[in-house]
Amino acid sequence: MQTASTNIGERMGRSQELSDSKRGPVIGGHLCNKSIRDISWLLNIPRSTVSGIITKWKQTGNNSHSATKW
């Protein structure tokens, strides 16, 4: 029998990385002065993910996860 805490622990953890084809629209939205909330809603991805992609892009100038070793 599993307890509630076991079920929660099983769901938590890192999710899959966003593909490069999904990162491009995030940067595009940012360059078009869309808010993080709007980009998140339009692409149906978490705000924290959008923010992280934009931050990494500003630091590296590259939106590829393979180049930045996410």
C-alpha atoms as a PDB file:
ATOM      1  CA  MET A   1       0.000   0.000   0.000  1.00  0.00           C
ATOM      2  CA  GLN A   2       1.294   3.436  -0.918  1.00  0.00           C
ATOM      3  CA  THR A   3       0.928   6.467   1.258  1.00  0.00           C
ATOM      4  CA  ALA A   4       0.104   9.977   0.069  1.00  0.00           C
ATOM      5  CA  SER A   5       3.689  11.121   0.654  1.00  0.00           C
ATOM      6  CA  THR A   6       4.988   8.314  -1.574  1.00  0.00           C
ATOM      7  CA  ASN A   7       2.676   9.360  -4.392  1.00  0.00           C
ATOM      8  CA  ILE A   8       3.785  12.980  -4.139  1.00  0.00           C
ATOM      9  CA  GLY A   9       7.444  12.003  -4.185  1.00  0.00           C
ATOM     10  CA  GLU A  10       6.940   9.900  -7.283  1.00  0.00           C
ATOM     11  CA  ARG A  11       5.419  12.801  -9.193  1.00  0.00           C
ATOM     12  CA  MET A  12       8.100  15.295  -8.261  1.00  0.00           C
ATOM     13  CA  GLY A  13      11.363  15.619 -10.096  1.00  0.00           C
ATOM     14  CA  ARG A  14      12.775  17.105 -13.217  1.00  0.00           C
ATOM     15  CA  SER A  15      10.612  17.052 -16.289  1.00  0.00           C
ATOM     16  CA  GLN A  16      11.774  16.690 -19.861  1.00  0.00           C
ATOM     17  CA  GLU A  17      13.828  19.471 -21.401  1.00  0.00           C
ATOM     18  CA  LEU A  18      12.106  21.754 -23.859  1.00  0.00           C
ATOM     19  CA  SER A  19      13.147  21.127 -27.452  1.00  0.00           C
ATOM     20  CA  ASP A  20      15.000  23.768 -29.435  1.00  0.00           C
ATOM     21  CA  SER A  21      11.911  24.182 -31.622  1.00  0.00           C
ATOM     22  CA  LYS A  22       9.942  25.274 -28.527  1.00  0.00           C
ATOM     23  CA  ARG A  23      12.696  27.581 -27.251  1.00  0.00           C
ATOM     24  CA  GLY A  24      12.654  29.682 -30.433  1.00  0.00           C
ATOM     25  CA  PRO A  25       9.094  30.951 -29.958  1.00  0.00           C
ATOM     26  CA  VAL A  26       9.909  31.875 -26.340  1.00  0.00           C
ATOM     27  CA  ILE A  27      12.774  34.102 -27.500  1.00  0.00           C
ATOM     28  CA  GLY A  28      10.636  35.422 -30.351  1.00  0.00           C
ATOM     29  CA  GLY A  29       7.891  36.394 -27.941  1.00  0.00           C
ATOM     30  CA  HIS A  30      10.419  38.089 -25.708  1.00  0.00           C
ATOM     31  CA  LEU A  31      11.827  40.059 -28.641  1.00  0.00           C
ATOM     32  CA  CYS A  32       8.277  41.166 -29.507  1.00  0.00           C
ATOM     33  CA  ASN A  33       7.934  42.561 -25.980  1.00  0.00           C
ATOM     34  CA  LYS A  34       5.445  39.940 -24.810  1.00  0.00           C
ATOM     35  CA  SER A  35       5.351  39.388 -21.064  1.00  0.00           C
ATOM     36  CA  ILE A  36       6.579  36.159 -19.533  1.00  0.00           C
ATOM     37  CA  ARG A  37       3.008  35.451 -18.474  1.00  0.00           C
ATOM     38  CA  ASP A  38       1.719  35.944 -22.034  1.00  0.00           C
ATOM     39  CA  ILE A  39       4.443  33.748 -23.543  1.00  0.00           C
ATOM     40  CA  SER A  40       3.740  31.084 -20.933  1.00  0.00           C
ATOM     41  CA  TRP A  41       0.016  31.145 -21.651  1.00  0.00           C
ATOM     42  CA  LEU A  42       0.411  31.159 -25.441  1.00  0.00           C
ATOM     43  CA  LEU A  43       2.865  28.245 -25.485  1.00  0.00           C
ATOM     44  CA  ASN A  44       1.323  26.373 -22.544  1.00  0.00           C
ATOM     45  CA  ILE A  45       4.597  26.064 -20.617  1.00  0.00           C
ATOM     46  CA  PRO A  46       5.393  27.155 -17.047  1.00  0.00           C
ATOM     47  CA  ARG A  47       6.390  30.786 -16.395  1.00  0.00           C
ATOM     48  CA  SER A  48       9.522  29.590 -14.634  1.00  0.00           C
ATOM     49  CA  THR A  49      10.560  27.746 -17.788  1.00  0.00           C
ATOM     50  CA  VAL A  50       9.965  30.824 -19.941  1.00  0.00           C
ATOM     51  CA  SER A  51      11.947  32.965 -17.525  1.00  0.00           C
ATOM     52  CA  GLY A  52      14.798  30.454 -17.439  1.00  0.00           C
ATOM     53  CA  ILE A  53      15.005  30.267 -21.227  1.00  0.00           C
ATOM     54  CA  ILE A  54      15.085  34.062 -21.539  1.00  0.00           C
ATOM     55  CA  THR A  55      17.705  34.379 -18.802  1.00  0.00           C
ATOM     56  CA  LYS A  56      19.960  31.752 -20.412  1.00  0.00           C
ATOM     57  CA  TRP A  57      19.501  33.393 -23.806  1.00  0.00           C
ATOM     58  CA  LYS A  58      20.510  36.791 -22.405  1.00  0.00           C
ATOM     59  CA  GLN A  59      23.611  35.249 -20.805  1.00  0.00           C
ATOM     60  CA  THR A  60      24.749  33.166 -23.761  1.00  0.00           C
ATOM     61  CA  GLY A  61      23.048  34.610 -26.829  1.00  0.00           C
ATOM     62  CA  ASN A  62      22.046  31.079 -27.785  1.00  0.00           C
ATOM     63  CA  ASN A  63      18.735  29.297 -27.281  1.00  0.00           C
ATOM     64  CA  SER A  64      20.035  25.765 -27.829  1.00  0.00           C
ATOM     65  CA  HIS A  65      20.106  23.593 -24.711  1.00  0.00           C
ATOM     66  CA  SER A  66      22.919  21.492 -26.164  1.00  0.00           C
ATOM     67  CA  ALA A  67      25.192  24.514 -26.495  1.00  0.00           C
ATOM     68  CA  THR A  68      24.516  25.714 -22.945  1.00  0.00           C
ATOM     69  CA  LYS A  69      24.486  22.238 -21.359  1.00  0.00           C
ATOM     70  CA  TRP A  70      21.180  22.682 -19.542  1.00  0.00           C
END
